Amino acid sequence: MVTRFSSVIFGMGIGLVVAIPPAHAADEIETKALLCAACHGDKGVPSDPKTIPVIWGQEQSYLMKQLRDFRNGERNSAIMSPIAKDLAEGDLRKIAAYFAAKTWPAQRASAKPPLPPKGIAQCQACHQPNFQGGMPAPRLAGLSYEYLVAAMRAFATEQRINNLDMPKFMQVLTERERNAIARYLAAL
């Protein structure tokens, strides 16, 4: 009976060890995420919002895709590509989940939101009616005007092609329409 009781206690102990991830695993991802904070900000506000997107509270599947694309060379960045190349698939998932779980940084609210510009309706199908994002599309509301314009221009000129639909959508819009959409989204 004592042997059986010991076996049960030992089995429960092993089960707990396997079921509960080590505390250092979370610390390891937080340590890796510190590298991201140098540019993307330690409170979610990027060091240069004109060229660097907010990743805190961003759609997890979108973050995962971008990290994978940087790693695989489907999206190029002098900074992000070398960082992502050194990350294992499991780390990409954990980092995407880590940042997706954060709260989108507070923005100062504009007195009166601007009227939706022409061409914005096509964006709502994927990015959701309030542009908060949803699987698999990223949140656009609150990103900087400059970042949004640059991203839309990169898709329109096919400098960025890691999304098969976006170049087509952006090419249909004029530069003036893209600018109006970026201004609207940045004000949300």
C-alpha atoms as a PDB file:
ATOM      1  CA  MET A   1       0.000   0.000   0.000  1.00  0.00           C
ATOM      2  CA  VAL A   2       2.832   2.407   0.832  1.00  0.00           C
ATOM      3  CA  THR A   3       4.451   1.581  -2.519  1.00  0.00           C
ATOM      4  CA  ARG A   4       1.221   2.246  -4.358  1.00  0.00           C
ATOM      5  CA  PHE A   5       0.699   5.531  -2.478  1.00  0.00           C
ATOM      6  CA  SER A   6       4.279   6.588  -3.273  1.00  0.00           C
ATOM      7  CA  SER A   7       3.742   5.730  -6.938  1.00  0.00           C
ATOM      8  CA  VAL A   8       0.592   7.861  -7.055  1.00  0.00           C
ATOM      9  CA  ILE A   9       2.338  10.818  -5.385  1.00  0.00           C
ATOM     10  CA  PHE A  10       5.362  10.420  -7.682  1.00  0.00           C
ATOM     11  CA  GLY A  11       3.078  10.236 -10.747  1.00  0.00           C
ATOM     12  CA  MET A  12       1.181  13.343  -9.678  1.00  0.00           C
ATOM     13  CA  GLY A  13       4.471  15.195  -9.188  1.00  0.00           C
ATOM     14  CA  ILE A  14       5.682  14.226 -12.664  1.00  0.00           C
ATOM     15  CA  GLY A  15       2.306  15.242 -14.104  1.00  0.00           C
ATOM     16  CA  LEU A  16       2.554  18.680 -12.518  1.00  0.00           C
ATOM     17  CA  VAL A  17       6.095  19.188 -13.753  1.00  0.00           C
ATOM     18  CA  VAL A  18       5.030  18.317 -17.304  1.00  0.00           C
ATOM     19  CA  ALA A  19       1.760  20.284 -17.168  1.00  0.00           C
ATOM     20  CA  ILE A  20       3.180  23.515 -15.745  1.00  0.00           C
ATOM     21  CA  PRO A  21       5.658  25.230 -18.043  1.00  0.00           C
ATOM     22  CA  PRO A  22       8.825  26.367 -16.382  1.00  0.00           C
ATOM     23  CA  ALA A  23       8.756  29.957 -15.149  1.00  0.00           C
ATOM     24  CA  HIS A  24      11.941  30.668 -17.047  1.00  0.00           C
ATOM     25  CA  ALA A  25      10.179  30.008 -20.383  1.00  0.00           C
ATOM     26  CA  ALA A  26       8.099  33.177 -19.982  1.00  0.00           C
ATOM     27  CA  ASP A  27      11.187  35.064 -18.828  1.00  0.00           C
ATOM     28  CA  GLU A  28      13.053  33.834 -21.913  1.00  0.00           C
ATOM     29  CA  ILE A  29      10.423  35.283 -24.270  1.00  0.00           C
ATOM     30  CA  GLU A  30      10.341  38.545 -22.301  1.00  0.00           C
ATOM     31  CA  THR A  31      14.123  38.707 -22.662  1.00  0.00           C
ATOM     32  CA  LYS A  32      13.864  38.151 -26.414  1.00  0.00           C
ATOM     33  CA  ALA A  33      11.076  40.754 -26.594  1.00  0.00           C
ATOM     34  CA  LEU A  34      13.393  43.325 -25.007  1.00  0.00           C
ATOM     35  CA  LEU A  35      15.251  43.462 -28.306  1.00  0.00           C
ATOM     36  CA  CYS A  36      11.956  44.470 -29.957  1.00  0.00           C
ATOM     37  CA  ALA A  37      11.452  47.271 -27.430  1.00  0.00           C
ATOM     38  CA  ALA A  38      14.513  49.106 -28.716  1.00  0.00           C
ATOM     39  CA  CYS A  39      12.508  50.145 -31.801  1.00  0.00           C
ATOM     40  CA  HIS A  40       8.876  49.207 -31.092  1.00  0.00           C
ATOM     41  CA  GLY A  41       8.947  50.770 -27.601  1.00  0.00           C
ATOM     42  CA  ASP A  42       8.852  49.320 -24.119  1.00  0.00           C
ATOM     43  CA  LYS A  43       5.374  50.775 -23.521  1.00  0.00           C
ATOM     44  CA  GLY A  44       4.068  50.057 -27.014  1.00  0.00           C
ATOM     45  CA  VAL A  45       4.938  53.408 -28.561  1.00  0.00           C
ATOM     46  CA  PRO A  46       7.623  53.014 -31.245  1.00  0.00           C
ATOM     47  CA  SER A  47      10.788  55.101 -31.089  1.00  0.00           C
ATOM     48  CA  ASP A  48       9.884  56.459 -34.546  1.00  0.00           C
ATOM     49  CA  PRO A  49       6.160  55.938 -35.239  1.00  0.00           C
ATOM     50  CA  LYS A  50       6.635  57.374 -38.743  1.00  0.00           C
ATOM     51  CA  THR A  51       8.650  54.345 -39.838  1.00  0.00           C
ATOM     52  CA  ILE A  52       8.011  51.702 -37.152  1.00  0.00           C
ATOM     53  CA  PRO A  53       4.565  50.197 -36.479  1.00  0.00           C
ATOM     54  CA  VAL A  54       2.885  49.622 -33.133  1.00  0.00           C
ATOM     55  CA  ILE A  55       3.027  45.901 -32.343  1.00  0.00           C
ATOM     56  CA  TRP A  56       1.498  45.956 -28.850  1.00  0.00           C
ATOM     57  CA  GLY A  57      -2.038  44.608 -29.118  1.00  0.00           C
ATOM     58  CA  GLN A  58      -1.649  43.886 -32.827  1.00  0.00           C
ATOM     59  CA  GLU A  59      -3.408  40.844 -34.333  1.00  0.00           C
ATOM     60  CA  GLN A  60      -1.414  37.715 -33.363  1.00  0.00           C
ATOM     61  CA  SER A  61      -1.771  35.921 -36.695  1.00  0.00           C
ATOM     62  CA  TYR A  62      -0.573  39.055 -38.503  1.00  0.00           C
ATOM     63  CA  LEU A  63       2.470  39.407 -36.222  1.00  0.00           C
ATOM     64  CA  MET A  64       3.301  35.751 -36.754  1.00  0.00           C
ATOM     65  CA  LYS A  65       3.066  36.088 -40.537  1.00  0.00           C
ATOM     66  CA  GLN A  66       5.252  39.181 -40.614  1.00  0.00           C
ATOM     67  CA  LEU A  67       7.913  37.602 -38.404  1.00  0.00           C
ATOM     68  CA  ARG A  68       7.892  34.481 -40.568  1.00  0.00           C
ATOM     69  CA  ASP A  69       8.036  36.576 -43.753  1.00  0.00           C
ATOM     70  CA  PHE A  70      11.008  38.562 -42.420  1.00  0.00           C
ATOM     71  CA  ARG A  71      12.720  35.304 -41.499  1.00  0.00           C
ATOM     72  CA  ASN A  72      12.021  33.618 -44.845  1.00  0.00           C
ATOM     73  CA  GLY A  73      12.876  36.664 -46.976  1.00  0.00           C
ATOM     74  CA  GLU A  74       9.320  37.231 -48.241  1.00  0.00           C
ATOM     75  CA  ARG A  75       9.415  40.657 -46.601  1.00  0.00           C
ATOM     76  CA  ASN A  76      12.696  42.531 -46.418  1.00  0.00           C
ATOM     77  CA  SER A  77      13.984  44.907 -43.784  1.00  0.00           C
ATOM     78  CA  ALA A  78      17.576  45.759 -42.992  1.00  0.00           C
ATOM     79  CA  ILE A  79      16.702  45.541 -39.294  1.00  0.00           C
ATOM     80  CA  MET A  80      13.939  42.933 -38.984  1.00  0.00           C
ATOM     81  CA  SER A  81      15.211  40.324 -41.444  1.00  0.00           C
ATOM     82  CA  PRO A  82      18.478  39.568 -39.590  1.00  0.00           C
ATOM     83  CA  ILE A  83      16.670  39.499 -36.226  1.00  0.00           C
ATOM     84  CA  ALA A  84      13.954  37.144 -37.453  1.00  0.00           C
ATOM     85  CA  LYS A  85      16.438  34.815 -39.205  1.00  0.00           C
ATOM     86  CA  ASP A  86      17.855  33.873 -35.804  1.00  0.00           C
ATOM     87  CA  LEU A  87      14.470  32.957 -34.290  1.00  0.00           C
ATOM     88  CA  ALA A  88      13.076  29.438 -34.213  1.00  0.00           C
ATOM     89  CA  GLU A  89       9.471  28.836 -35.301  1.00  0.00           C
ATOM     90  CA  GLY A  90       8.406  28.295 -31.685  1.00  0.00           C
ATOM     91  CA  ASP A  91       9.939  31.609 -30.672  1.00  0.00           C
ATOM     92  CA  LEU A  92       8.118  33.405 -33.485  1.00  0.00           C
ATOM     93  CA  ARG A  93       4.832  32.040 -32.138  1.00  0.00           C
ATOM     94  CA  LYS A  94       5.640  32.995 -28.557  1.00  0.00           C
ATOM     95  CA  ILE A  95       6.774  36.491 -29.486  1.00  0.00           C
ATOM     96  CA  ALA A  96       3.656  37.072 -31.616  1.00  0.00           C
ATOM     97  CA  ALA A  97       1.462  35.877 -28.731  1.00  0.00           C
ATOM     98  CA  TYR A  98       3.416  37.999 -26.234  1.00  0.00           C
ATOM     99  CA  PHE A  99       2.850  41.231 -28.161  1.00  0.00           C
ATOM    100  CA  ALA A 100      -0.719  40.403 -29.181  1.00  0.00           C
ATOM    101  CA  ALA A 101      -1.596  39.994 -25.484  1.00  0.00           C
ATOM    102  CA  LYS A 102      -0.390  43.529 -24.703  1.00  0.00           C
ATOM    103  CA  THR A 103      -2.755  46.490 -24.703  1.00  0.00           C
ATOM    104  CA  TRP A 104      -2.696  48.822 -27.711  1.00  0.00           C
ATOM    105  CA  PRO A 105      -1.091  52.068 -26.496  1.00  0.00           C
ATOM    106  CA  ALA A 106      -3.479  54.867 -25.609  1.00  0.00           C
ATOM    107  CA  GLN A 107      -3.774  57.581 -28.221  1.00  0.00           C
ATOM    108  CA  ARG A 108      -4.931  61.095 -27.674  1.00  0.00           C
ATOM    109  CA  ALA A 109      -8.425  61.219 -29.042  1.00  0.00           C
ATOM    110  CA  SER A 110      -9.159  63.700 -31.790  1.00  0.00           C
ATOM    111  CA  ALA A 111     -12.001  66.071 -31.038  1.00  0.00           C
ATOM    112  CA  LYS A 112     -14.094  64.918 -33.966  1.00  0.00           C
ATOM    113  CA  PRO A 113     -13.182  61.901 -36.084  1.00  0.00           C
ATOM    114  CA  PRO A 114     -12.857  62.744 -39.767  1.00  0.00           C
ATOM    115  CA  LEU A 115     -15.408  61.544 -42.284  1.00  0.00           C
ATOM    116  CA  PRO A 116     -14.547  58.212 -43.936  1.00  0.00           C
ATOM    117  CA  PRO A 117     -12.788  58.863 -47.253  1.00  0.00           C
ATOM    118  CA  LYS A 118     -13.573  57.382 -50.635  1.00  0.00           C
ATOM    119  CA  GLY A 119     -12.165  53.872 -51.055  1.00  0.00           C
ATOM    120  CA  ILE A 120     -12.138  52.996 -47.342  1.00  0.00           C
ATOM    121  CA  ALA A 121     -15.008  50.496 -47.644  1.00  0.00           C
ATOM    122  CA  GLN A 122     -12.799  47.946 -49.416  1.00  0.00           C
ATOM    123  CA  CYS A 123     -10.496  47.949 -46.349  1.00  0.00           C
ATOM    124  CA  GLN A 124     -13.271  47.102 -43.894  1.00  0.00           C
ATOM    125  CA  ALA A 125     -13.869  43.592 -45.197  1.00  0.00           C
ATOM    126  CA  CYS A 126     -10.560  42.377 -43.756  1.00  0.00           C
ATOM    127  CA  HIS A 127      -9.537  45.037 -41.260  1.00  0.00           C
ATOM    128  CA  GLN A 128     -13.022  45.113 -39.687  1.00  0.00           C
ATOM    129  CA  PRO A 129     -15.500  48.011 -39.618  1.00  0.00           C
ATOM    130  CA  ASN A 130     -13.624  49.859 -36.863  1.00  0.00           C
ATOM    131  CA  PHE A 131     -10.177  48.990 -38.329  1.00  0.00           C
ATOM    132  CA  GLN A 132      -9.166  47.232 -35.088  1.00  0.00           C
ATOM    133  CA  GLY A 133      -8.035  44.241 -37.146  1.00  0.00           C
ATOM    134  CA  GLY A 134      -9.111  40.648 -37.061  1.00  0.00           C
ATOM    135  CA  MET A 135      -7.683  37.364 -38.186  1.00  0.00           C
ATOM    136  CA  PRO A 136      -5.608  37.586 -40.305  1.00  0.00           C
ATOM    137  CA  ALA A 137      -5.630  41.337 -41.021  1.00  0.00           C
ATOM    138  CA  PRO A 138      -3.755  43.817 -38.826  1.00  0.00           C
ATOM    139  CA  ARG A 139      -5.147  46.699 -36.858  1.00  0.00           C
ATOM    140  CA  LEU A 140      -4.787  49.928 -38.829  1.00  0.00           C
ATOM    141  CA  ALA A 141      -6.590  52.343 -36.500  1.00  0.00           C
ATOM    142  CA  GLY A 142      -4.073  54.497 -34.687  1.00  0.00           C
ATOM    143  CA  LEU A 143      -0.977  53.683 -36.742  1.00  0.00           C
ATOM    144  CA  SER A 144       0.868  56.801 -37.844  1.00  0.00           C
ATOM    145  CA  TYR A 145      -0.098  58.546 -41.051  1.00  0.00           C
ATOM    146  CA  GLU A 146       3.473  58.314 -42.337  1.00  0.00           C
ATOM    147  CA  TYR A 147       3.760  54.577 -41.652  1.00  0.00           C
ATOM    148  CA  LEU A 148       0.399  53.866 -43.298  1.00  0.00           C
ATOM    149  CA  VAL A 149       1.185  55.950 -46.402  1.00  0.00           C
ATOM    150  CA  ALA A 150       4.569  54.249 -46.791  1.00  0.00           C
ATOM    151  CA  ALA A 151       3.035  50.763 -46.413  1.00  0.00           C
ATOM    152  CA  MET A 152       0.270  51.511 -48.920  1.00  0.00           C
ATOM    153  CA  ARG A 153       2.761  52.984 -51.390  1.00  0.00           C
ATOM    154  CA  ALA A 154       5.019  49.927 -51.002  1.00  0.00           C
ATOM    155  CA  PHE A 155       2.071  47.669 -51.848  1.00  0.00           C
ATOM    156  CA  ALA A 156       0.950  49.885 -54.750  1.00  0.00           C
ATOM    157  CA  THR A 157       4.423  49.855 -56.312  1.00  0.00           C
ATOM    158  CA  GLU A 158       4.904  46.147 -55.516  1.00  0.00           C
ATOM    159  CA  GLN A 159       7.956  46.833 -53.361  1.00  0.00           C
ATOM    160  CA  ARG A 160       6.058  44.881 -50.725  1.00  0.00           C
ATOM    161  CA  ILE A 161       4.357  41.744 -51.986  1.00  0.00           C
ATOM    162  CA  ASN A 162       3.973  39.517 -48.925  1.00  0.00           C
ATOM    163  CA  ASN A 163       0.192  39.793 -49.259  1.00  0.00           C
ATOM    164  CA  LEU A 164      -1.297  38.779 -52.602  1.00  0.00           C
ATOM    165  CA  ASP A 165      -4.368  41.038 -52.347  1.00  0.00           C
ATOM    166  CA  MET A 166      -2.899  44.299 -51.079  1.00  0.00           C
ATOM    167  CA  PRO A 167      -0.931  45.333 -54.200  1.00  0.00           C
ATOM    168  CA  LYS A 168      -4.115  45.019 -56.286  1.00  0.00           C
ATOM    169  CA  PHE A 169      -6.195  46.998 -53.788  1.00  0.00           C
ATOM    170  CA  MET A 170      -3.608  49.752 -53.470  1.00  0.00           C
ATOM    171  CA  GLN A 171      -3.049  50.032 -57.233  1.00  0.00           C
ATOM    172  CA  VAL A 172      -6.747  50.771 -57.765  1.00  0.00           C
ATOM    173  CA  LEU A 173      -6.503  53.802 -55.463  1.00  0.00           C
ATOM    174  CA  THR A 174      -4.895  57.068 -56.454  1.00  0.00           C
ATOM    175  CA  GLU A 175      -2.088  58.469 -54.326  1.00  0.00           C
ATOM    176  CA  ARG A 176      -4.487  61.146 -53.102  1.00  0.00           C
ATOM    177  CA  GLU A 177      -7.028  58.482 -52.032  1.00  0.00           C
ATOM    178  CA  ARG A 178      -4.319  56.490 -50.232  1.00  0.00           C
ATOM    179  CA  ASN A 179      -3.219  59.652 -48.408  1.00  0.00           C
ATOM    180  CA  ALA A 180      -6.814  60.374 -47.338  1.00  0.00           C
ATOM    181  CA  ILE A 181      -7.283  56.814 -46.101  1.00  0.00           C
ATOM    182  CA  ALA A 182      -4.005  56.961 -44.136  1.00  0.00           C
ATOM    183  CA  ARG A 183      -4.996  60.286 -42.565  1.00  0.00           C
ATOM    184  CA  TYR A 184      -8.390  58.863 -41.577  1.00  0.00           C
ATOM    185  CA  LEU A 185      -6.957  55.650 -40.088  1.00  0.00           C
ATOM    186  CA  ALA A 186      -4.271  57.519 -38.146  1.00  0.00           C
ATOM    187  CA  ALA A 187      -6.947  59.708 -36.540  1.00  0.00           C
ATOM    188  CA  LEU A 188      -8.973  56.737 -35.235  1.00  0.00           C
END
